[in-house]
Amino acid sequence: MIDASSASPVRAVDGELDKLMAAYQKADVDGTVALIGAVSPLLYRFFFHQCGNAEDAADLLQDTWLRVHKVRHTYRPGEPVLPWLYAIARHTKVDGYRRKRRILSREKTMDSVPEARVPFEPIPASMPSFDALMSELPQSQREVVTLLKVTGMSLEEVARATSSSIGSVKQKAHRAYERLRRVLAPAVKDNRETRSNDV
């Protein structure tokens, strides 16, 4: 089992990943272990920020490596490795989401009573966590911000990984940043007021 939850994501140089991927394609054990070790923390963090659940993120990571293993022959040497891997991870996430929805739709019990709606509570004045901020974004924007800011991918790499244009990635990122600014505005204002009162 691959355990990436405790590892810190460190981005390997693309040339180094190319070599590791080539070794993986040739069934080189050391290259395979090194590739999985270098990339798993990045993929795990991507999944965790998408689904917010450590168990689901670990399951999606395992499924992704199973898929990568099946299609490793389709990687073309010289192409950037991360966008290729993230494209597979993204499809794995979508399939996992659909599978979970199907399971949940079949598991509804007849005895369940609808829960009362909880009133919306505004974000507290203190600075929200990264996970709380990400939960404010729609799925497509969250994905783009995670790939750009958490994994450090370039616009071109994100576009390739998400099968979209660079313009579309820029637009989603811009909208996400605007939304995050609005969410953070009250906390920033409160922090400024607190600082001015402390002086």
N, C-alpha and C. Protein backbone atom coordinates (compact mmCIF):
# COMPACT_ATOMS: atom_id res chain seq x y z
N MET A 1 0.84 -1.19 0.00
CA MET A 1 0.00 0.00 0.00
C MET A 1 0.87 1.24 0.00
N ILE A 2 0.52 2.23 -0.79
CA ILE A 2 1.27 3.47 -0.87
C ILE A 2 0.78 4.42 0.20
N ASP A 3 1.67 4.86 1.09
CA ASP A 3 1.27 5.82 2.13
C ASP A 3 1.94 7.14 1.85
N ALA A 4 1.16 8.08 1.33
CA ALA A 4 1.71 9.39 1.01
C ALA A 4 1.20 10.46 1.94
N SER A 5 0.37 10.10 2.92
CA SER A 5 -0.26 11.11 3.77
C SER A 5 0.74 11.83 4.64
N SER A 6 1.81 11.15 5.03
CA SER A 6 2.77 11.77 5.93
C SER A 6 3.95 12.38 5.19
N ALA A 7 4.09 12.09 3.91
CA ALA A 7 5.22 12.61 3.16
C ALA A 7 4.97 14.04 2.76
N SER A 8 6.04 14.79 2.65
CA SER A 8 5.88 16.18 2.22
C SER A 8 6.10 16.25 0.72
N PRO A 9 5.20 16.92 -0.01
CA PRO A 9 5.34 16.95 -1.46
C PRO A 9 6.52 17.78 -1.89
N VAL A 10 7.44 17.16 -2.62
CA VAL A 10 8.59 17.86 -3.15
C VAL A 10 8.59 17.66 -4.65
N ARG A 11 8.56 18.74 -5.38
CA ARG A 11 8.49 18.62 -6.83
C ARG A 11 9.84 18.24 -7.41
N ALA A 12 9.88 17.14 -8.10
CA ALA A 12 11.11 16.71 -8.74
C ALA A 12 11.27 17.46 -10.06
N VAL A 13 12.49 17.59 -10.49
CA VAL A 13 12.76 18.24 -11.76
C VAL A 13 12.20 17.37 -12.88
N ASP A 14 11.60 18.03 -13.90
CA ASP A 14 10.96 17.28 -14.98
C ASP A 14 11.91 16.27 -15.63
N GLY A 15 13.17 16.66 -15.84
CA GLY A 15 14.14 15.74 -16.45
C GLY A 15 14.35 14.51 -15.59
N GLU A 16 14.36 14.71 -14.28
CA GLU A 16 14.53 13.59 -13.35
C GLU A 16 13.31 12.66 -13.42
N LEU A 17 12.11 13.25 -13.48
CA LEU A 17 10.91 12.43 -13.58
C LEU A 17 10.88 11.67 -14.90
N ASP A 18 11.36 12.30 -15.98
CA ASP A 18 11.44 11.61 -17.28
C ASP A 18 12.28 10.34 -17.15
N LYS A 19 13.43 10.47 -16.48
CA LYS A 19 14.32 9.31 -16.32
C LYS A 19 13.65 8.24 -15.46
N LEU A 20 12.98 8.67 -14.40
CA LEU A 20 12.31 7.70 -13.53
C LEU A 20 11.17 7.01 -14.26
N MET A 21 10.45 7.77 -15.08
CA MET A 21 9.35 7.18 -15.85
C MET A 21 9.87 6.18 -16.87
N ALA A 22 10.99 6.53 -17.51
CA ALA A 22 11.59 5.59 -18.47
C ALA A 22 12.02 4.31 -17.76
N ALA A 23 12.57 4.46 -16.55
CA ALA A 23 12.97 3.27 -15.78
C ALA A 23 11.74 2.44 -15.40
N TYR A 24 10.66 3.12 -15.04
CA TYR A 24 9.41 2.44 -14.68
C TYR A 24 8.88 1.65 -15.87
N GLN A 25 8.94 2.25 -17.06
CA GLN A 25 8.46 1.55 -18.25
C GLN A 25 9.29 0.30 -18.54
N LYS A 26 10.55 0.31 -18.11
CA LYS A 26 11.43 -0.85 -18.34
C LYS A 26 11.39 -1.82 -17.17
N ALA A 27 10.45 -1.61 -16.22
CA ALA A 27 10.28 -2.48 -15.05
C ALA A 27 11.48 -2.46 -14.11
N ASP A 28 12.19 -1.32 -14.08
CA ASP A 28 13.30 -1.16 -13.17
C ASP A 28 12.74 -0.87 -11.77
N VAL A 29 13.05 -1.74 -10.81
CA VAL A 29 12.46 -1.63 -9.48
C VAL A 29 12.85 -0.33 -8.79
N ASP A 30 14.14 0.01 -8.82
CA ASP A 30 14.60 1.23 -8.15
C ASP A 30 13.96 2.47 -8.76
N GLY A 31 13.85 2.51 -10.08
CA GLY A 31 13.23 3.65 -10.75
C GLY A 31 11.75 3.75 -10.40
N THR A 32 11.08 2.60 -10.33
CA THR A 32 9.66 2.57 -10.00
C THR A 32 9.42 3.09 -8.59
N VAL A 33 10.22 2.60 -7.64
CA VAL A 33 10.08 3.05 -6.24
C VAL A 33 10.36 4.54 -6.13
N ALA A 34 11.39 5.01 -6.84
CA ALA A 34 11.74 6.44 -6.78
C ALA A 34 10.64 7.30 -7.40
N LEU A 35 10.05 6.86 -8.49
CA LEU A 35 8.97 7.61 -9.14
C LEU A 35 7.75 7.70 -8.22
N ILE A 36 7.36 6.57 -7.66
CA ILE A 36 6.21 6.55 -6.77
C ILE A 36 6.48 7.43 -5.54
N GLY A 37 7.68 7.36 -5.02
CA GLY A 37 8.04 8.19 -3.87
C GLY A 37 8.03 9.67 -4.17
N ALA A 38 8.43 10.04 -5.38
CA ALA A 38 8.49 11.46 -5.75
C ALA A 38 7.12 12.03 -6.06
N VAL A 39 6.25 11.23 -6.66
CA VAL A 39 4.98 11.76 -7.17
C VAL A 39 3.80 11.51 -6.23
N SER A 40 3.83 10.45 -5.45
CA SER A 40 2.68 10.11 -4.60
C SER A 40 2.27 11.23 -3.64
N PRO A 41 3.22 11.91 -2.98
CA PRO A 41 2.78 13.00 -2.10
C PRO A 41 2.02 14.11 -2.84
N LEU A 42 2.45 14.40 -4.07
CA LEU A 42 1.77 15.42 -4.87
C LEU A 42 0.36 14.98 -5.23
N LEU A 43 0.23 13.73 -5.68
CA LEU A 43 -1.08 13.22 -6.05
C LEU A 43 -2.00 13.12 -4.84
N TYR A 44 -1.44 12.67 -3.72
CA TYR A 44 -2.25 12.55 -2.50
C TYR A 44 -2.79 13.92 -2.08
N ARG A 45 -1.92 14.91 -2.11
CA ARG A 45 -2.36 16.25 -1.71
C ARG A 45 -3.42 16.79 -2.68
N PHE A 46 -3.25 16.50 -3.96
CA PHE A 46 -4.24 16.90 -4.96
C PHE A 46 -5.60 16.28 -4.62
N PHE A 47 -5.61 14.98 -4.35
CA PHE A 47 -6.86 14.30 -4.03
C PHE A 47 -7.45 14.79 -2.71
N PHE A 48 -6.59 15.00 -1.72
CA PHE A 48 -7.08 15.44 -0.42
C PHE A 48 -7.76 16.80 -0.53
N HIS A 49 -7.19 17.71 -1.30
CA HIS A 49 -7.80 19.03 -1.45
C HIS A 49 -9.05 18.98 -2.34
N GLN A 50 -9.19 17.94 -3.12
CA GLN A 50 -10.38 17.81 -3.95
C GLN A 50 -11.54 17.20 -3.16
N CYS A 51 -11.25 16.20 -2.33
CA CYS A 51 -12.34 15.50 -1.64
C CYS A 51 -12.38 15.78 -0.14
N GLY A 52 -11.30 16.32 0.44
CA GLY A 52 -11.28 16.69 1.84
C GLY A 52 -11.33 15.53 2.81
N ASN A 53 -11.00 14.34 2.34
CA ASN A 53 -11.10 13.14 3.17
C ASN A 53 -9.84 12.30 2.95
N ALA A 54 -9.11 12.03 4.02
CA ALA A 54 -7.84 11.31 3.91
C ALA A 54 -8.04 9.89 3.36
N GLU A 55 -9.09 9.23 3.79
CA GLU A 55 -9.34 7.85 3.34
C GLU A 55 -9.66 7.82 1.85
N ASP A 56 -10.54 8.73 1.40
CA ASP A 56 -10.87 8.79 -0.03
C ASP A 56 -9.64 9.16 -0.85
N ALA A 57 -8.84 10.10 -0.33
CA ALA A 57 -7.63 10.51 -1.05
C ALA A 57 -6.67 9.34 -1.21
N ALA A 58 -6.51 8.54 -0.16
CA ALA A 58 -5.62 7.37 -0.23
C ALA A 58 -6.16 6.34 -1.22
N ASP A 59 -7.48 6.13 -1.22
CA ASP A 59 -8.08 5.19 -2.18
C ASP A 59 -7.88 5.65 -3.61
N LEU A 60 -8.09 6.95 -3.86
CA LEU A 60 -7.91 7.49 -5.21
C LEU A 60 -6.44 7.40 -5.65
N LEU A 61 -5.53 7.59 -4.71
CA LEU A 61 -4.10 7.46 -5.03
C LEU A 61 -3.79 6.03 -5.46
N GLN A 62 -4.31 5.04 -4.72
CA GLN A 62 -4.09 3.64 -5.09
C GLN A 62 -4.67 3.34 -6.48
N ASP A 63 -5.89 3.81 -6.72
CA ASP A 63 -6.54 3.58 -8.01
C ASP A 63 -5.74 4.23 -9.14
N THR A 64 -5.20 5.41 -8.87
CA THR A 64 -4.43 6.11 -9.90
C THR A 64 -3.18 5.31 -10.27
N TRP A 65 -2.47 4.80 -9.28
CA TRP A 65 -1.26 4.04 -9.60
C TRP A 65 -1.59 2.73 -10.32
N LEU A 66 -2.75 2.14 -10.01
CA LEU A 66 -3.16 0.95 -10.76
C LEU A 66 -3.39 1.30 -12.24
N ARG A 67 -4.04 2.44 -12.46
CA ARG A 67 -4.28 2.89 -13.85
C ARG A 67 -2.98 3.24 -14.55
N VAL A 68 -2.11 3.94 -13.83
CA VAL A 68 -0.81 4.31 -14.42
C VAL A 68 -0.07 3.05 -14.84
N HIS A 69 -0.11 2.04 -13.98
CA HIS A 69 0.60 0.80 -14.30
C HIS A 69 0.05 0.15 -15.57
N LYS A 70 -1.28 0.20 -15.72
CA LYS A 70 -1.89 -0.42 -16.91
C LYS A 70 -1.56 0.33 -18.19
N VAL A 71 -1.41 1.65 -18.09
CA VAL A 71 -1.21 2.45 -19.32
C VAL A 71 0.18 3.06 -19.41
N ARG A 72 1.13 2.55 -18.63
CA ARG A 72 2.47 3.14 -18.60
C ARG A 72 3.14 3.14 -19.97
N HIS A 73 2.76 2.19 -20.80
CA HIS A 73 3.34 2.11 -22.15
C HIS A 73 2.90 3.28 -23.04
N THR A 74 1.83 4.00 -22.66
CA THR A 74 1.34 5.10 -23.50
C THR A 74 2.11 6.40 -23.26
N TYR A 75 2.91 6.43 -22.18
CA TYR A 75 3.72 7.64 -21.94
C TYR A 75 4.81 7.72 -23.00
N ARG A 76 4.93 8.91 -23.60
CA ARG A 76 5.95 9.11 -24.63
C ARG A 76 7.16 9.81 -24.03
N PRO A 77 8.33 9.19 -24.06
CA PRO A 77 9.53 9.81 -23.50
C PRO A 77 9.75 11.21 -24.08
N GLY A 78 10.14 12.12 -23.20
CA GLY A 78 10.35 13.51 -23.62
C GLY A 78 9.18 14.41 -23.28
N GLU A 79 7.98 13.82 -23.13
CA GLU A 79 6.81 14.59 -22.72
C GLU A 79 6.90 14.85 -21.22
N PRO A 80 6.36 15.99 -20.74
CA PRO A 80 6.36 16.21 -19.28
C PRO A 80 5.55 15.12 -18.57
N VAL A 81 6.12 14.60 -17.50
CA VAL A 81 5.50 13.48 -16.79
C VAL A 81 4.30 13.91 -15.95
N LEU A 82 4.43 15.04 -15.23
CA LEU A 82 3.36 15.44 -14.31
C LEU A 82 2.01 15.66 -15.01
N PRO A 83 1.95 16.40 -16.10
CA PRO A 83 0.64 16.56 -16.75
C PRO A 83 0.03 15.22 -17.17
N TRP A 84 0.87 14.30 -17.64
CA TRP A 84 0.39 12.98 -18.04
C TRP A 84 -0.21 12.25 -16.83
N LEU A 85 0.52 12.30 -15.70
CA LEU A 85 0.04 11.64 -14.49
C LEU A 85 -1.22 12.31 -13.95
N TYR A 86 -1.24 13.65 -13.97
CA TYR A 86 -2.41 14.35 -13.42
C TYR A 86 -3.65 14.15 -14.28
N ALA A 87 -3.47 13.97 -15.57
CA ALA A 87 -4.62 13.67 -16.43
C ALA A 87 -5.24 12.33 -16.01
N ILE A 88 -4.39 11.35 -15.72
CA ILE A 88 -4.89 10.05 -15.25
C ILE A 88 -5.54 10.21 -13.89
N ALA A 89 -4.90 10.98 -13.01
CA ALA A 89 -5.45 11.20 -11.66
C ALA A 89 -6.81 11.89 -11.73
N ARG A 90 -6.92 12.83 -12.62
CA ARG A 90 -8.18 13.57 -12.76
C ARG A 90 -9.31 12.64 -13.21
N HIS A 91 -9.02 11.77 -14.18
CA HIS A 91 -10.03 10.81 -14.65
C HIS A 91 -10.38 9.83 -13.53
N THR A 92 -9.38 9.43 -12.76
CA THR A 92 -9.63 8.53 -11.63
C THR A 92 -10.55 9.19 -10.63
N LYS A 93 -10.31 10.48 -10.36
CA LYS A 93 -11.15 11.22 -9.40
C LYS A 93 -12.59 11.31 -9.89
N VAL A 94 -12.77 11.61 -11.17
CA VAL A 94 -14.12 11.72 -11.73
C VAL A 94 -14.83 10.38 -11.66
N ASP A 95 -14.14 9.30 -12.05
CA ASP A 95 -14.74 7.97 -11.98
C ASP A 95 -15.06 7.58 -10.54
N GLY A 96 -14.18 7.93 -9.60
CA GLY A 96 -14.42 7.65 -8.18
C GLY A 96 -15.63 8.39 -7.67
N TYR A 97 -15.78 9.65 -8.10
CA TYR A 97 -16.94 10.45 -7.69
C TYR A 97 -18.23 9.83 -8.22
N ARG A 98 -18.21 9.43 -9.48
CA ARG A 98 -19.42 8.80 -10.08
C ARG A 98 -19.75 7.50 -9.37
N ARG A 99 -18.73 6.69 -9.07
CA ARG A 99 -18.96 5.42 -8.39
C ARG A 99 -19.55 5.65 -7.00
N LYS A 100 -19.02 6.64 -6.30
CA LYS A 100 -19.52 6.95 -4.96
C LYS A 100 -20.97 7.42 -5.01
N ARG A 101 -21.29 8.24 -6.01
CA ARG A 101 -22.67 8.72 -6.17
C ARG A 101 -23.62 7.56 -6.43
N ARG A 102 -23.21 6.61 -7.28
CA ARG A 102 -24.04 5.44 -7.56
C ARG A 102 -24.29 4.63 -6.29
N ILE A 103 -23.22 4.43 -5.51
CA ILE A 103 -23.35 3.65 -4.27
C ILE A 103 -24.28 4.36 -3.30
N LEU A 104 -24.07 5.66 -3.12
CA LEU A 104 -24.92 6.41 -2.18
C LEU A 104 -26.37 6.42 -2.62
N SER A 105 -26.61 6.49 -3.93
CA SER A 105 -28.00 6.52 -4.40
C SER A 105 -28.71 5.20 -4.14
N ARG A 106 -27.95 4.11 -4.08
CA ARG A 106 -28.55 2.80 -3.82
C ARG A 106 -28.67 2.49 -2.33
N GLU A 107 -27.94 3.23 -1.50
CA GLU A 107 -27.93 2.95 -0.07
C GLU A 107 -28.93 3.76 0.73
N LYS A 108 -29.77 4.54 0.09
CA LYS A 108 -30.76 5.33 0.82
C LYS A 108 -31.75 4.39 1.50
N THR A 109 -31.99 4.66 2.76
CA THR A 109 -32.93 3.83 3.51
C THR A 109 -34.30 4.50 3.53
N MET A 110 -35.33 3.69 3.69
CA MET A 110 -36.69 4.21 3.71
C MET A 110 -37.02 4.87 5.05
N ASP A 111 -36.27 4.52 6.11
CA ASP A 111 -36.56 5.06 7.44
C ASP A 111 -35.89 6.41 7.69
N SER A 112 -35.07 6.87 6.78
CA SER A 112 -34.33 8.10 7.05
C SER A 112 -35.25 9.31 7.06
N VAL A 113 -35.00 10.17 8.01
CA VAL A 113 -35.77 11.40 8.15
C VAL A 113 -34.91 12.55 7.63
N PRO A 114 -35.46 13.41 6.77
CA PRO A 114 -34.65 14.52 6.27
C PRO A 114 -34.17 15.40 7.43
N GLU A 115 -32.90 15.77 7.36
CA GLU A 115 -32.32 16.62 8.39
C GLU A 115 -32.76 18.06 8.19
N ALA A 116 -32.89 18.76 9.31
CA ALA A 116 -33.24 20.17 9.24
C ALA A 116 -32.09 20.94 8.61
N ARG A 117 -32.39 21.93 7.82
CA ARG A 117 -31.36 22.73 7.17
C ARG A 117 -30.64 23.57 8.22
N VAL A 118 -29.34 23.52 8.15
CA VAL A 118 -28.53 24.32 9.08
C VAL A 118 -28.36 25.69 8.47
N PRO A 119 -28.65 26.75 9.24
CA PRO A 119 -28.48 28.09 8.66
C PRO A 119 -27.03 28.38 8.34
N PHE A 120 -26.84 29.15 7.28
CA PHE A 120 -25.49 29.50 6.85
C PHE A 120 -24.81 30.35 7.91
N GLU A 121 -23.60 29.94 8.27
CA GLU A 121 -22.84 30.74 9.23
C GLU A 121 -21.69 31.39 8.50
N PRO A 122 -21.51 32.70 8.68
CA PRO A 122 -20.40 33.37 8.00
C PRO A 122 -19.06 32.86 8.50
N ILE A 123 -18.05 32.99 7.66
CA ILE A 123 -16.70 32.58 8.04
C ILE A 123 -16.24 33.45 9.21
N PRO A 124 -15.66 32.86 10.26
CA PRO A 124 -15.22 33.67 11.39
C PRO A 124 -14.19 34.71 10.99
N ALA A 125 -14.04 35.73 11.85
CA ALA A 125 -13.15 36.84 11.53
C ALA A 125 -11.70 36.41 11.45
N SER A 126 -11.32 35.33 12.16
CA SER A 126 -9.93 34.89 12.08
C SER A 126 -9.67 34.33 10.68
N MET A 127 -8.40 34.29 10.32
CA MET A 127 -8.03 33.83 8.98
C MET A 127 -8.41 32.37 8.79
N PRO A 128 -9.16 32.05 7.74
CA PRO A 128 -9.56 30.65 7.50
C PRO A 128 -8.38 29.81 7.03
N SER A 129 -8.48 28.52 7.25
CA SER A 129 -7.43 27.60 6.80
C SER A 129 -7.49 27.45 5.29
N PHE A 130 -6.45 26.87 4.73
CA PHE A 130 -6.40 26.63 3.29
C PHE A 130 -7.54 25.73 2.86
N ASP A 131 -7.80 24.67 3.65
CA ASP A 131 -8.88 23.75 3.31
C ASP A 131 -10.23 24.45 3.32
N ALA A 132 -10.42 25.35 4.31
CA ALA A 132 -11.68 26.10 4.37
C ALA A 132 -11.83 27.01 3.16
N LEU A 133 -10.74 27.62 2.75
CA LEU A 133 -10.78 28.48 1.55
C LEU A 133 -11.11 27.66 0.31
N MET A 134 -10.47 26.50 0.18
CA MET A 134 -10.71 25.67 -0.99
C MET A 134 -12.16 25.19 -1.06
N SER A 135 -12.77 24.98 0.11
CA SER A 135 -14.16 24.52 0.11
C SER A 135 -15.13 25.59 -0.39
N GLU A 136 -14.67 26.83 -0.44
CA GLU A 136 -15.50 27.93 -0.95
C GLU A 136 -15.56 27.96 -2.48
N LEU A 137 -14.67 27.23 -3.12
CA LEU A 137 -14.57 27.29 -4.58
C LEU A 137 -15.35 26.16 -5.24
N PRO A 138 -15.90 26.42 -6.43
CA PRO A 138 -16.49 25.32 -7.21
C PRO A 138 -15.40 24.31 -7.58
N GLN A 139 -15.82 23.10 -7.86
CA GLN A 139 -14.89 22.00 -8.12
C GLN A 139 -13.85 22.33 -9.19
N SER A 140 -14.27 22.90 -10.31
CA SER A 140 -13.33 23.15 -11.41
C SER A 140 -12.28 24.18 -11.02
N GLN A 141 -12.69 25.22 -10.27
CA GLN A 141 -11.74 26.23 -9.82
C GLN A 141 -10.80 25.67 -8.75
N ARG A 142 -11.35 24.84 -7.86
CA ARG A 142 -10.53 24.23 -6.81
C ARG A 142 -9.43 23.36 -7.43
N GLU A 143 -9.81 22.64 -8.47
CA GLU A 143 -8.85 21.77 -9.15
C GLU A 143 -7.71 22.59 -9.74
N VAL A 144 -8.05 23.69 -10.43
CA VAL A 144 -7.03 24.52 -11.07
C VAL A 144 -6.11 25.16 -10.04
N VAL A 145 -6.69 25.71 -8.96
CA VAL A 145 -5.87 26.35 -7.92
C VAL A 145 -4.96 25.33 -7.25
N THR A 146 -5.49 24.14 -6.99
CA THR A 146 -4.68 23.10 -6.36
C THR A 146 -3.50 22.72 -7.25
N LEU A 147 -3.75 22.55 -8.54
CA LEU A 147 -2.67 22.18 -9.45
C LEU A 147 -1.63 23.30 -9.58
N LEU A 148 -2.10 24.55 -9.64
CA LEU A 148 -1.18 25.68 -9.80
C LEU A 148 -0.41 25.97 -8.52
N LYS A 149 -1.10 26.04 -7.40
CA LYS A 149 -0.49 26.53 -6.16
C LYS A 149 0.04 25.45 -5.24
N VAL A 150 -0.62 24.29 -5.22
CA VAL A 150 -0.16 23.23 -4.31
C VAL A 150 0.93 22.40 -4.97
N THR A 151 0.71 22.02 -6.22
CA THR A 151 1.70 21.17 -6.88
C THR A 151 2.74 21.98 -7.66
N GLY A 152 2.46 23.27 -7.89
CA GLY A 152 3.43 24.12 -8.58
C GLY A 152 3.51 23.91 -10.08
N MET A 153 2.46 23.36 -10.67
CA MET A 153 2.47 23.15 -12.12
C MET A 153 2.31 24.49 -12.85
N SER A 154 2.81 24.56 -14.06
CA SER A 154 2.66 25.75 -14.88
C SER A 154 1.27 25.77 -15.53
N LEU A 155 0.90 26.92 -16.11
CA LEU A 155 -0.38 27.02 -16.80
C LEU A 155 -0.49 25.98 -17.91
N GLU A 156 0.60 25.82 -18.65
CA GLU A 156 0.61 24.85 -19.77
C GLU A 156 0.40 23.43 -19.25
N GLU A 157 1.06 23.10 -18.13
CA GLU A 157 0.93 21.75 -17.58
C GLU A 157 -0.49 21.50 -17.06
N VAL A 158 -1.07 22.51 -16.41
CA VAL A 158 -2.43 22.37 -15.90
C VAL A 158 -3.41 22.21 -17.07
N ALA A 159 -3.20 23.00 -18.12
CA ALA A 159 -4.07 22.89 -19.30
C ALA A 159 -4.00 21.47 -19.88
N ARG A 160 -2.80 20.93 -19.96
CA ARG A 160 -2.63 19.58 -20.50
C ARG A 160 -3.28 18.55 -19.58
N ALA A 161 -3.09 18.71 -18.27
CA ALA A 161 -3.61 17.74 -17.31
C ALA A 161 -5.14 17.76 -17.25
N THR A 162 -5.73 18.92 -17.48
CA THR A 162 -7.20 19.03 -17.39
C THR A 162 -7.88 19.01 -18.75
N SER A 163 -7.12 18.78 -19.80
CA SER A 163 -7.65 18.74 -21.17
C SER A 163 -8.41 20.01 -21.52
N SER A 164 -7.84 21.16 -21.16
CA SER A 164 -8.45 22.44 -21.49
C SER A 164 -7.41 23.39 -22.06
N SER A 165 -7.87 24.54 -22.49
CA SER A 165 -6.95 25.53 -23.06
C SER A 165 -6.30 26.34 -21.94
N ILE A 166 -5.17 26.97 -22.26
CA ILE A 166 -4.50 27.82 -21.29
C ILE A 166 -5.43 28.97 -20.90
N GLY A 167 -6.17 29.50 -21.87
CA GLY A 167 -7.11 30.59 -21.59
C GLY A 167 -8.17 30.17 -20.59
N SER A 168 -8.66 28.95 -20.72
CA SER A 168 -9.68 28.45 -19.79
C SER A 168 -9.10 28.30 -18.38
N VAL A 169 -7.85 27.81 -18.30
CA VAL A 169 -7.19 27.67 -17.00
C VAL A 169 -7.01 29.04 -16.36
N LYS A 170 -6.56 30.02 -17.16
CA LYS A 170 -6.37 31.39 -16.64
C LYS A 170 -7.69 31.95 -16.13
N GLN A 171 -8.76 31.73 -16.89
CA GLN A 171 -10.07 32.26 -16.50
C GLN A 171 -10.55 31.64 -15.19
N LYS A 172 -10.40 30.32 -15.06
CA LYS A 172 -10.81 29.66 -13.83
C LYS A 172 -9.98 30.14 -12.64
N ALA A 173 -8.66 30.28 -12.87
CA ALA A 173 -7.79 30.76 -11.79
C ALA A 173 -8.17 32.18 -11.39
N HIS A 174 -8.42 33.04 -12.37
CA HIS A 174 -8.79 34.43 -12.08
C HIS A 174 -10.08 34.49 -11.27
N ARG A 175 -11.08 33.72 -11.68
CA ARG A 175 -12.35 33.71 -10.95
C ARG A 175 -12.17 33.16 -9.53
N ALA A 176 -11.32 32.15 -9.40
CA ALA A 176 -11.06 31.57 -8.08
C ALA A 176 -10.39 32.61 -7.17
N TYR A 177 -9.40 33.33 -7.71
CA TYR A 177 -8.70 34.33 -6.90
C TYR A 177 -9.64 35.45 -6.49
N GLU A 178 -10.52 35.86 -7.41
CA GLU A 178 -11.50 36.90 -7.08
C GLU A 178 -12.42 36.44 -5.95
N ARG A 179 -12.87 35.21 -6.05
CA ARG A 179 -13.76 34.68 -5.02
C ARG A 179 -13.05 34.57 -3.68
N LEU A 180 -11.80 34.12 -3.71
CA LEU A 180 -11.02 34.00 -2.47
C LEU A 180 -10.77 35.38 -1.85
N ARG A 181 -10.55 36.40 -2.69
CA ARG A 181 -10.38 37.76 -2.16
C ARG A 181 -11.64 38.21 -1.41
N ARG A 182 -12.81 37.91 -1.99
CA ARG A 182 -14.06 38.29 -1.32
C ARG A 182 -14.23 37.54 0.00
N VAL A 183 -13.86 36.27 0.00
CA VAL A 183 -13.98 35.47 1.23
C VAL A 183 -13.03 35.98 2.30
N LEU A 184 -11.81 36.36 1.88
CA LEU A 184 -10.80 36.81 2.83
C LEU A 184 -10.98 38.25 3.27
N ALA A 185 -11.75 39.04 2.54
CA ALA A 185 -11.87 40.48 2.84
C ALA A 185 -12.25 40.76 4.29
N PRO A 186 -13.28 40.09 4.87
CA PRO A 186 -13.62 40.38 6.27
C PRO A 186 -12.48 40.07 7.24
N ALA A 187 -11.79 38.95 7.01
CA ALA A 187 -10.70 38.56 7.90
C ALA A 187 -9.54 39.55 7.80
N VAL A 188 -9.24 39.98 6.58
CA VAL A 188 -8.16 40.96 6.37
C VAL A 188 -8.52 42.28 7.05
N LYS A 189 -9.77 42.70 6.90
CA LYS A 189 -10.22 43.95 7.52
C LYS A 189 -10.12 43.86 9.04
N ASP A 190 -10.59 42.74 9.61
CA ASP A 190 -10.53 42.56 11.06
C ASP A 190 -9.09 42.56 11.56
N ASN A 191 -8.19 41.92 10.80
CA ASN A 191 -6.78 41.89 11.21
C ASN A 191 -6.17 43.28 11.18
N ARG A 192 -6.52 44.08 10.17
CA ARG A 192 -6.01 45.46 10.09
C ARG A 192 -6.52 46.28 11.27
N GLU A 193 -7.82 46.10 11.57
CA GLU A 193 -8.40 46.86 12.70
C GLU A 193 -7.77 46.44 14.02
N THR A 194 -7.52 45.16 14.18
CA THR A 194 -6.88 44.66 15.40
C THR A 194 -5.49 45.25 15.56
N ARG A 195 -4.74 45.25 14.43
CA ARG A 195 -3.38 45.81 14.48
C ARG A 195 -3.39 47.29 14.82
N SER A 196 -4.33 48.04 14.22
CA SER A 196 -4.38 49.49 14.49
C SER A 196 -4.80 49.76 15.92
N ASN A 197 -5.64 48.89 16.51
CA ASN A 197 -6.05 49.06 17.91
C ASN A 197 -4.93 48.71 18.87
N ASP A 198 -4.05 47.78 18.45
CA ASP A 198 -2.93 47.37 19.31
C ASP A 198 -1.84 48.43 19.36
N VAL A 199 -1.78 49.29 18.34
CA VAL A 199 -0.71 50.30 18.28
C VAL A 199 -0.95 51.39 19.28
